[in-house]
């Protein structure tokens, strides 16, 4: 009987190594899938908010105020604000990191060329080597894939960071805009009050010349005139500071002029539709950011679990080696190497990393829940504050009417010699202060509406995203 050829030792070793690798893969594959826990929010979402309007707020929520000048300034701020530009570059950085990590899913191919010349007393030799090498880690347990997914979630979270920054800039522009308008109104009121107080001072001087009043009444009225002037100086300073702030928010030097028409504080638009709390969770960028960070932490934990299992690396090479450049491409050599490395003892380092990743994930889970609760609170706070501020304004308007009637009555009694001037002065001071308080109260109500729009707002297109995302 003819004998079959026996395998060589090298061939037997290769087959044995391959068999060992296959057995190890099968053994470790059982129960080694990197399962992770649920990422649902740890709270019960309410069915509805306490109040709601019927008008759906626009994505660019500030347009609800109907100010063309404000819209123009806002477009400039969203395009040129340096904080927004910084946030956009952070987004680009996060996307580049995600792209860098995803490259690990593909083999790495490198070309090399080596040359060596050896000279001795008897002979000279040279050796040339040219070829390609490829290295690839087989993602047996999804470690690389989990890391790539984690960075992808972080890149998405960075987009929500930019959207949140855009919301913050838009809110600051609108709030500063109406603070400037309120300050202009305060200045107009103070100017009229200074003129009115000076008129009263002249009347007192005339009465004093006729012996109908005391000199102390004139001193008190002069003090009121100066106090009103002092407040006007403060408001004039605030107007300039607010103008500087708006210019800087628009990405310009402080004294850069912008289009602004001085008008009275506007009436509020109709109350916006608040929608469902569950829809708010899906819409708000800060809530989406917290969720995406939770998903990234979940993938980090999966990657940490995967490091406890064996790693399979493949290396391939194709090269030509010769002692002369003329014979460089005539003889080619090929090699393929597979390495399976499994951890046996690391003093608990990998297990501790899994525990750390799990703790980070739990932190992100609770942060996600708190962010949702804060979003609900901001909506409810803005609703109740605006409602009560409206009631307060009605009360202040009534107080202004009563104070002015009181002042007129006391002034008439003073002229007729029935009451003292100190009563007239007190009533005048109270009436003027209430008039200024009314403007401040109306500004506060607008700020509460701004807070409500911001609490309900989602992401919106900016000049940067419209240009860069195309």
Protein backbone atom coordinates (compact mmCIF):
# COMPACT_ATOMS: atom_id res chain seq x y z
CA UNK A 1 0.00 0.00 0.00
CA UNK A 2 1.30 3.39 -0.90
CA UNK A 3 2.03 5.59 2.06
CA UNK A 4 0.41 8.93 2.28
CA UNK A 5 2.79 11.89 2.54
CA UNK A 6 3.28 13.05 6.11
CA UNK A 7 2.73 16.74 6.89
CA UNK A 8 5.77 18.73 7.65
CA UNK A 9 6.41 20.04 11.14
CA UNK A 10 5.81 23.63 10.14
CA UNK A 11 2.49 22.77 8.52
CA UNK A 12 1.44 20.77 11.59
CA UNK A 13 2.31 23.70 13.85
CA UNK A 14 0.27 26.10 11.74
CA UNK A 15 -2.77 23.84 11.79
CA UNK A 16 -2.42 23.31 15.53
CA UNK A 17 -2.20 27.06 16.18
CA UNK A 18 -5.26 27.68 14.05
CA UNK A 19 -7.17 24.99 15.93
CA UNK A 20 -6.18 26.49 19.27
CA UNK A 21 -7.30 29.92 18.15
CA UNK A 22 -10.66 28.56 17.00
CA UNK A 23 -11.21 26.73 20.28
CA UNK A 24 -10.33 29.82 22.34
CA UNK A 25 -12.71 31.96 20.29
CA UNK A 26 -15.56 29.51 20.79
CA UNK A 27 -14.89 29.21 24.52
CA UNK A 28 -14.72 32.95 25.14
CA UNK A 29 -17.65 33.70 22.85
CA UNK A 30 -20.07 31.94 25.18
CA UNK A 31 -21.63 34.56 27.42
CA UNK A 32 -19.18 37.30 26.41
CA UNK A 33 -21.59 39.64 24.62
CA UNK A 34 -21.28 43.15 26.03
CA UNK A 35 -24.83 43.74 27.18
CA UNK A 36 -25.68 47.07 28.80
CA UNK A 37 -28.62 48.30 30.81
CA UNK A 38 -31.56 50.45 29.76
CA UNK A 39 -31.14 54.21 29.33
CA UNK A 40 -34.73 55.27 30.02
CA UNK A 41 -35.15 58.39 32.22
CA UNK A 42 -35.50 57.47 35.93
CA UNK A 43 -38.72 59.45 36.44
CA UNK A 44 -42.38 59.70 35.51
CA UNK A 45 -43.11 62.32 32.85
CA UNK A 46 -46.28 64.36 33.63
CA UNK A 47 -49.11 64.32 31.13
CA UNK A 48 -49.45 68.11 30.69
CA UNK A 49 -48.29 71.49 31.94
CA UNK A 50 -50.40 73.65 34.23
CA UNK A 51 -51.25 76.17 31.50
CA UNK A 52 -50.96 76.55 27.76
CA UNK A 53 -51.77 78.99 25.01
CA UNK A 54 -53.02 78.22 21.53
CA UNK A 55 -50.32 79.85 19.38
CA UNK A 56 -47.43 77.58 18.44
CA UNK A 57 -44.13 79.39 19.12
CA UNK A 58 -41.87 79.80 16.07
CA UNK A 59 -38.49 78.06 15.97
CA UNK A 60 -36.88 81.50 15.96
CA UNK A 61 -38.86 82.40 19.04
CA UNK A 62 -37.79 86.07 19.25
CA UNK A 63 -39.67 86.84 16.03
CA UNK A 64 -42.88 86.54 18.06
CA UNK A 65 -42.17 90.06 19.42
CA UNK A 66 -42.47 91.49 15.90
CA UNK A 67 -39.41 93.81 16.01
CA UNK A 68 -37.59 94.17 12.68
CA UNK A 69 -34.60 95.89 14.30
CA UNK A 70 -34.30 93.10 16.85
CA UNK A 71 -34.45 90.44 14.14
CA UNK A 72 -31.67 92.18 12.19
CA UNK A 73 -29.41 92.42 15.24
CA UNK A 74 -30.15 88.79 16.14
CA UNK A 75 -29.08 87.54 12.70
CA UNK A 76 -25.80 89.37 13.08
CA UNK A 77 -25.25 87.98 16.58
CA UNK A 78 -25.93 84.40 15.48
CA UNK A 79 -23.41 84.79 12.68
CA UNK A 80 -20.62 86.78 14.34
CA UNK A 81 -20.82 86.04 18.08
CA UNK A 82 -17.45 84.62 19.17
CA UNK A 83 -18.89 82.30 21.81
CA UNK A 84 -20.98 80.67 19.08
CA UNK A 85 -17.97 80.40 16.80
CA UNK A 86 -16.06 78.70 19.62
CA UNK A 87 -18.93 76.24 20.16
CA UNK A 88 -18.94 75.47 16.42
CA UNK A 89 -15.23 74.66 16.48
CA UNK A 90 -15.81 72.34 19.45
CA UNK A 91 -18.41 70.57 17.32
CA UNK A 92 -15.89 70.16 14.50
CA UNK A 93 -13.37 68.82 16.99
CA UNK A 94 -15.85 66.23 18.30
CA UNK A 95 -16.71 65.10 14.79
CA UNK A 96 -13.03 64.73 13.92
CA UNK A 97 -12.50 62.58 17.02
CA UNK A 98 -15.43 60.36 16.03
CA UNK A 99 -13.98 59.99 12.54
CA UNK A 100 -10.56 59.20 13.97
CA UNK A 101 -11.97 56.46 16.21
CA UNK A 102 -13.98 54.92 13.37
CA UNK A 103 -10.75 54.36 11.42
CA UNK A 104 -9.93 51.52 13.84
CA UNK A 105 -12.68 49.43 12.19
CA UNK A 106 -10.53 49.15 9.04
CA UNK A 107 -7.06 47.67 8.42
CA UNK A 108 -4.06 49.94 8.56
CA UNK A 109 -1.85 49.66 5.47
CA UNK A 110 1.71 51.00 5.39
CA UNK A 111 4.44 50.99 2.75
CA UNK A 112 8.11 50.76 3.63
CA UNK A 113 11.46 50.94 1.88
CA UNK A 114 14.76 50.02 3.50
CA UNK A 115 18.29 50.14 2.24
CA UNK A 116 21.52 48.94 3.88
CA UNK A 117 25.10 49.16 2.63
CA UNK A 118 27.89 47.20 4.35
CA UNK A 119 31.51 47.90 3.50
CA UNK A 120 34.51 45.78 4.57
CA UNK A 121 38.10 45.34 3.46
CA UNK A 122 37.22 42.36 1.31
CA UNK A 123 33.83 43.20 -0.14
CA UNK A 124 30.95 45.61 -0.28
CA UNK A 125 27.35 44.41 0.05
CA UNK A 126 24.05 46.17 -0.21
CA UNK A 127 20.57 45.04 0.67
CA UNK A 128 17.30 46.58 -0.48
CA UNK A 129 13.87 45.82 0.98
CA UNK A 130 10.56 47.15 -0.30
CA UNK A 131 7.03 46.12 0.63
CA UNK A 132 3.66 46.61 2.29
CA UNK A 133 2.40 45.74 5.76
CA UNK A 134 -1.20 45.58 6.98
CA UNK A 135 -2.41 45.32 10.56
CA UNK A 136 -5.95 44.71 11.71
CA UNK A 137 -7.58 44.00 15.05
CA UNK A 138 -10.60 41.73 14.72
CA UNK A 139 -13.39 43.31 16.75
CA UNK A 140 -14.47 40.04 18.38
CA UNK A 141 -16.46 41.50 21.26
CA UNK A 142 -17.41 44.88 19.85
CA UNK A 143 -14.87 46.92 21.82
CA UNK A 144 -13.84 49.03 18.86
CA UNK A 145 -17.40 49.37 17.64
CA UNK A 146 -18.53 50.47 21.12
CA UNK A 147 -15.77 53.08 21.29
CA UNK A 148 -16.73 54.40 17.87
CA UNK A 149 -20.38 54.62 18.90
CA UNK A 150 -19.42 56.45 22.10
CA UNK A 151 -17.55 59.12 20.16
CA UNK A 152 -20.40 59.41 17.67
CA UNK A 153 -22.79 60.11 20.55
CA UNK A 154 -20.37 62.70 21.92
CA UNK A 155 -20.23 64.39 18.52
CA UNK A 156 -24.03 64.57 18.47
CA UNK A 157 -23.95 65.94 22.02
CA UNK A 158 -21.52 68.59 20.84
CA UNK A 159 -24.10 69.67 18.25
CA UNK A 160 -26.64 70.13 21.04
CA UNK A 161 -23.99 72.15 22.90
CA UNK A 162 -23.88 74.49 19.93
CA UNK A 163 -27.67 74.67 19.82
CA UNK A 164 -27.78 75.42 23.55
CA UNK A 165 -25.17 78.14 23.07
CA UNK A 166 -27.26 79.63 20.25
CA UNK A 167 -30.29 79.65 22.55
CA UNK A 168 -28.28 81.37 25.28
CA UNK A 169 -27.00 84.03 22.89
CA UNK A 170 -30.47 84.67 21.47
CA UNK A 171 -31.94 84.93 24.96
CA UNK A 172 -29.23 87.34 26.08
CA UNK A 173 -29.72 89.53 23.00
CA UNK A 174 -33.50 89.75 23.46
CA UNK A 175 -33.24 90.32 27.20
CA UNK A 176 -30.62 93.07 26.77
CA UNK A 177 -32.65 94.63 23.95
CA UNK A 178 -35.70 95.11 26.14
CA UNK A 179 -33.60 96.16 29.11
CA UNK A 180 -32.29 98.94 26.87
CA UNK A 181 -35.83 99.84 25.85
CA UNK A 182 -36.94 99.92 29.50
CA UNK A 183 -33.95 102.08 30.42
CA UNK A 184 -34.85 104.51 27.64
CA UNK A 185 -38.39 104.67 29.03
CA UNK A 186 -37.04 105.23 32.54
CA UNK A 187 -34.87 108.07 31.22
CA UNK A 188 -37.87 109.68 29.55
CA UNK A 189 -39.89 109.43 32.78
CA UNK A 190 -37.03 110.79 34.89
CA UNK A 191 -36.53 113.73 32.51
CA UNK A 192 -40.20 114.66 32.84
CA UNK A 193 -40.02 114.22 36.61
CA UNK A 194 -36.97 116.49 36.87
CA UNK A 195 -38.84 119.16 34.89
CA UNK A 196 -41.93 118.74 37.06
CA UNK A 197 -39.90 118.94 40.26
CA UNK A 198 -38.12 122.08 39.06
CA UNK A 199 -41.51 123.63 38.29
CA UNK A 200 -42.67 122.89 41.82
CA UNK A 201 -39.42 124.40 43.13
CA UNK A 202 -40.09 127.63 41.23
CA UNK A 203 -43.60 127.79 42.65
CA UNK A 204 -42.24 127.34 46.15
CA UNK A 205 -39.76 130.14 45.64
CA UNK A 206 -42.58 132.43 44.52
CA UNK A 207 -44.63 131.52 47.59
CA UNK A 208 -41.60 132.00 49.82
CA UNK A 209 -41.11 135.51 48.37
CA UNK A 210 -44.69 136.29 49.36
CA UNK A 211 -44.17 134.80 52.80
CA UNK A 212 -46.54 131.87 52.14
CA UNK A 213 -44.10 128.98 52.76
CA UNK A 214 -41.03 128.08 54.77
CA UNK A 215 -37.46 127.91 53.55
CA UNK A 216 -37.23 124.27 54.69
CA UNK A 217 -39.87 123.37 52.09
CA UNK A 218 -37.62 124.80 49.39
CA UNK A 219 -34.68 122.76 50.71
CA UNK A 220 -36.71 119.58 50.65
CA UNK A 221 -37.85 120.21 47.11
CA UNK A 222 -34.26 120.94 46.01
CA UNK A 223 -33.23 117.62 47.53
CA UNK A 224 -35.93 115.84 45.51
CA UNK A 225 -34.74 117.58 42.33
CA UNK A 226 -31.16 116.44 42.91
CA UNK A 227 -32.24 112.90 43.83
CA UNK A 228 -34.18 112.66 40.58
CA UNK A 229 -31.20 113.98 38.61
CA UNK A 230 -28.95 111.41 40.31
CA UNK A 231 -31.23 108.60 39.20
CA UNK A 232 -31.22 109.99 35.68
CA UNK A 233 -27.41 109.92 35.61
CA UNK A 234 -27.50 106.27 36.68
CA UNK A 235 -29.99 105.37 33.94
CA UNK A 236 -27.93 107.22 31.31
CA UNK A 237 -24.92 105.16 32.31
CA UNK A 238 -26.94 101.95 32.12
CA UNK A 239 -28.17 102.82 28.63
CA UNK A 240 -24.62 103.13 27.34
CA UNK A 241 -23.55 99.88 29.05
CA UNK A 242 -26.49 98.02 27.51
CA UNK A 243 -25.64 99.39 24.06
CA UNK A 244 -22.06 98.20 24.52
CA UNK A 245 -23.32 94.78 25.57
CA UNK A 246 -25.52 94.44 22.49
CA UNK A 247 -22.65 95.44 20.20
CA UNK A 248 -20.35 92.84 21.77
CA UNK A 249 -23.04 90.15 21.57
CA UNK A 250 -23.22 90.89 17.85
CA UNK A 251 -19.45 90.37 17.56
CA UNK A 252 -18.57 94.07 17.27
CA UNK A 253 -16.53 96.53 19.36
CA UNK A 254 -18.53 98.14 22.21
CA UNK A 255 -19.22 101.50 20.56
CA UNK A 256 -20.35 100.09 17.21
CA UNK A 257 -23.76 101.59 16.34
CA UNK A 258 -26.72 99.41 15.45
CA UNK A 259 -30.25 100.06 14.26
CA UNK A 260 -32.48 100.81 17.23
CA UNK A 261 -35.78 102.66 17.42
CA UNK A 262 -36.79 103.85 20.88
CA UNK A 263 -40.36 102.87 21.64
CA UNK A 264 -42.38 101.97 24.69
CA UNK A 265 -42.20 98.41 25.98
CA UNK A 266 -44.44 96.24 23.78
CA UNK A 267 -47.45 94.29 24.87
CA UNK A 268 -46.78 90.58 25.17
CA UNK A 269 -47.67 88.28 22.28
CA UNK A 270 -50.37 85.69 23.00
CA UNK A 271 -49.32 82.96 25.41
CA UNK A 272 -47.53 80.23 23.43
CA UNK A 273 -48.68 76.66 23.28
CA UNK A 274 -46.62 74.67 25.78
CA UNK A 275 -47.32 71.28 24.24
CA UNK A 276 -46.79 67.97 25.99
CA UNK A 277 -43.94 67.45 28.47
CA UNK A 278 -42.88 64.33 26.56
CA UNK A 279 -42.47 66.44 23.42
CA UNK A 280 -40.38 68.95 25.36
CA UNK A 281 -38.00 66.14 26.36
CA UNK A 282 -37.43 65.30 22.70
CA UNK A 283 -37.11 68.95 21.65
CA UNK A 284 -34.86 70.72 24.13
CA UNK A 285 -31.16 70.57 23.18
CA UNK A 286 -29.92 70.42 26.76
CA UNK A 287 -32.11 67.38 27.45
CA UNK A 288 -30.94 65.73 24.23
CA UNK A 289 -27.35 66.49 25.24
CA UNK A 290 -27.82 64.76 28.60
CA UNK A 291 -29.34 61.74 26.84
CA UNK A 292 -26.53 61.52 24.28
CA UNK A 293 -23.91 61.72 27.02
CA UNK A 294 -25.71 58.87 28.76
CA UNK A 295 -25.61 56.81 25.56
CA UNK A 296 -21.90 57.57 25.16
CA UNK A 297 -21.25 56.43 28.74
CA UNK A 298 -23.21 53.26 28.01
CA UNK A 299 -20.96 52.51 25.03
CA UNK A 300 -17.86 53.32 27.11
CA UNK A 301 -19.00 50.76 29.63
CA UNK A 302 -19.50 48.17 26.87
CA UNK A 303 -15.97 48.85 25.61
CA UNK A 304 -14.59 48.48 29.15
CA UNK A 305 -16.32 45.10 29.53
CA UNK A 306 -14.86 43.98 26.20
CA UNK A 307 -11.28 44.62 27.34
CA UNK A 308 -11.65 41.62 29.69
CA UNK A 309 -11.84 39.23 26.72
CA UNK A 310 -9.12 38.06 24.31
CA UNK A 311 -7.91 40.28 21.49
CA UNK A 312 -7.19 38.93 18.02
CA UNK A 313 -4.66 40.82 15.87
CA UNK A 314 -3.90 40.00 12.25
CA UNK A 315 -0.74 41.18 10.49
CA UNK A 316 0.08 40.65 6.81
CA UNK A 317 3.21 41.63 4.87
CA UNK A 318 4.30 41.55 1.23
CA UNK A 319 7.90 42.47 0.50
CA UNK A 320 10.82 41.97 -1.82
CA UNK A 321 14.39 41.67 -0.63
CA UNK A 322 17.44 41.66 -2.89
CA UNK A 323 21.08 42.63 -2.97
CA UNK A 324 20.73 44.71 -6.09
CA UNK A 325 18.27 47.23 -7.40
CA UNK A 326 17.95 45.35 -10.72
CA UNK A 327 16.53 42.25 -9.00
CA UNK A 328 14.30 44.13 -6.54
CA UNK A 329 10.88 43.01 -7.86
CA UNK A 330 11.79 39.46 -8.96
CA UNK A 331 11.40 37.64 -5.65
CA UNK A 332 8.46 38.37 -3.36
CA UNK A 333 7.82 37.06 0.13
CA UNK A 334 4.49 36.94 1.95
CA UNK A 335 3.62 36.49 5.60
CA UNK A 336 0.41 36.30 7.67
CA UNK A 337 0.42 36.39 11.44
CA UNK A 338 -2.47 35.93 13.86
CA UNK A 339 -2.06 36.75 17.54
CA UNK A 340 -4.72 35.92 20.12
CA UNK A 341 -3.94 37.52 23.48
CA UNK A 342 -6.16 36.99 26.50
CA UNK A 343 -5.78 38.57 29.95
CA UNK A 344 -5.02 36.15 32.77
CA UNK A 345 -4.03 38.36 35.68
CA UNK A 346 -4.02 42.15 35.97
CA UNK A 347 -4.63 42.62 39.72
CA UNK A 348 -8.22 43.76 39.06
CA UNK A 349 -7.32 46.65 36.76
CA UNK A 350 -9.83 45.79 34.00
CA UNK A 351 -12.56 44.97 36.49
CA UNK A 352 -12.00 48.30 38.24
CA UNK A 353 -12.27 50.09 34.90
CA UNK A 354 -15.62 48.40 34.30
CA UNK A 355 -16.81 49.56 37.73
CA UNK A 356 -15.64 53.09 36.97
CA UNK A 357 -17.42 53.11 33.60
CA UNK A 358 -20.60 51.84 35.24
CA UNK A 359 -20.43 54.57 37.89
CA UNK A 360 -19.98 57.21 35.17
CA UNK A 361 -22.97 55.82 33.31
CA UNK A 362 -25.10 55.99 36.44
CA UNK A 363 -23.99 59.60 36.92
CA UNK A 364 -25.08 60.41 33.38
CA UNK A 365 -28.40 58.64 33.99
CA UNK A 366 -29.18 60.74 37.07
CA UNK A 367 -27.98 63.91 35.32
CA UNK A 368 -30.36 63.08 32.48
CA UNK A 369 -33.24 62.75 34.93
CA UNK A 370 -32.35 66.00 36.69
CA UNK A 371 -32.08 67.84 33.36
CA UNK A 372 -35.60 66.71 32.44
CA UNK A 373 -36.96 67.83 35.80
CA UNK A 374 -35.22 71.20 35.46
CA UNK A 375 -36.76 71.64 32.00
CA UNK A 376 -40.24 71.01 33.40
CA UNK A 377 -39.56 73.37 36.30
CA UNK A 378 -38.40 76.17 34.00
CA UNK A 379 -41.65 75.99 32.02
CA UNK A 380 -43.84 75.92 35.12
CA UNK A 381 -41.85 78.71 36.81
CA UNK A 382 -42.12 80.96 33.76
CA UNK A 383 -45.87 80.33 33.48
CA UNK A 384 -46.67 81.16 37.10
CA UNK A 385 -44.29 84.11 37.25
CA UNK A 386 -45.78 85.73 34.16
CA UNK A 387 -49.31 85.21 35.48
CA UNK A 388 -48.53 86.74 38.88
CA UNK A 389 -46.47 89.51 37.30
CA UNK A 390 -49.50 90.46 35.23
CA UNK A 391 -51.52 90.72 38.43
CA UNK A 392 -48.76 92.82 39.99
CA UNK A 393 -48.75 95.21 37.03
CA UNK A 394 -52.50 95.71 37.36
CA UNK A 395 -51.98 96.51 41.04
CA UNK A 396 -49.17 98.96 40.25
CA UNK A 397 -51.28 100.71 37.61
CA UNK A 398 -54.01 101.15 40.21
CA UNK A 399 -51.48 102.44 42.73
CA UNK A 400 -50.15 104.97 40.21
CA UNK A 401 -53.62 106.37 39.61
CA UNK A 402 -54.32 106.59 43.33
CA UNK A 403 -50.92 108.15 44.10
CA UNK A 404 -51.36 110.83 41.45
CA UNK A 405 -54.85 111.65 42.75
CA UNK A 406 -53.46 111.82 46.28
CA UNK A 407 -50.69 114.17 45.17
CA UNK A 408 -53.10 116.48 43.38
CA UNK A 409 -55.44 116.57 46.35
CA UNK A 410 -52.66 117.28 48.86
CA UNK A 411 -51.19 119.94 46.62
CA UNK A 412 -54.56 121.68 46.44
CA UNK A 413 -54.89 121.48 50.22
CA UNK A 414 -51.38 122.89 50.62
CA UNK A 415 -52.18 125.85 48.37
CA UNK A 416 -55.27 126.49 50.47
CA UNK A 417 -53.23 126.22 53.66
CA UNK A 418 -54.90 123.04 54.91
CA UNK A 419 -51.95 120.59 54.81
CA UNK A 420 -48.17 120.80 55.17
CA UNK A 421 -45.74 120.64 52.28
CA UNK A 422 -44.10 117.52 53.70
CA UNK A 423 -47.31 115.61 52.89
CA UNK A 424 -47.24 116.97 49.35
CA UNK A 425 -43.58 116.02 48.95
CA UNK A 426 -44.16 112.51 50.25
CA UNK A 427 -47.06 111.98 47.88
CA UNK A 428 -45.08 113.36 44.93
CA UNK A 429 -42.09 111.13 45.67
CA UNK A 430 -44.32 108.05 46.00
CA UNK A 431 -46.15 108.79 42.74
CA UNK A 432 -42.92 109.26 40.80
CA UNK A 433 -41.38 106.09 42.24
CA UNK A 434 -44.48 104.06 41.39
CA UNK A 435 -44.33 105.32 37.82
CA UNK A 436 -40.74 104.05 37.54
CA UNK A 437 -41.63 100.77 39.29
CA UNK A 438 -44.35 100.18 36.71
CA UNK A 439 -41.80 100.28 33.87
CA UNK A 440 -39.54 97.86 35.76
CA UNK A 441 -42.48 95.52 36.38
CA UNK A 442 -43.38 95.48 32.68
CA UNK A 443 -39.76 94.68 31.83
CA UNK A 444 -39.78 91.83 34.33
CA UNK A 445 -42.90 90.38 32.72
CA UNK A 446 -41.20 90.48 29.31
CA UNK A 447 -38.18 88.71 30.84
CA UNK A 448 -40.49 85.99 32.18
CA UNK A 449 -41.94 85.55 28.69
CA UNK A 450 -38.40 85.32 27.30
CA UNK A 451 -37.69 82.62 29.88
CA UNK A 452 -40.81 80.75 28.78
CA UNK A 453 -39.87 80.90 25.10
CA UNK A 454 -36.37 79.64 25.93
CA UNK A 455 -37.74 76.86 28.13
CA UNK A 456 -39.96 75.67 25.28
CA UNK A 457 -37.49 76.21 22.44
CA UNK A 458 -35.60 73.55 20.56
CA UNK A 459 -32.69 73.94 18.21
CA UNK A 460 -32.95 76.31 15.26
CA UNK A 461 -30.93 77.04 12.16
CA UNK A 462 -28.28 79.74 12.39
CA UNK A 463 -26.33 81.42 9.59
CA UNK A 464 -23.37 79.17 10.50
CA UNK A 465 -25.30 75.88 10.34
CA UNK A 466 -27.14 76.90 7.19
CA UNK A 467 -23.81 77.52 5.47
CA UNK A 468 -21.65 74.77 6.95
CA UNK A 469 -24.18 71.91 6.90
CA UNK A 470 -24.94 72.18 3.17
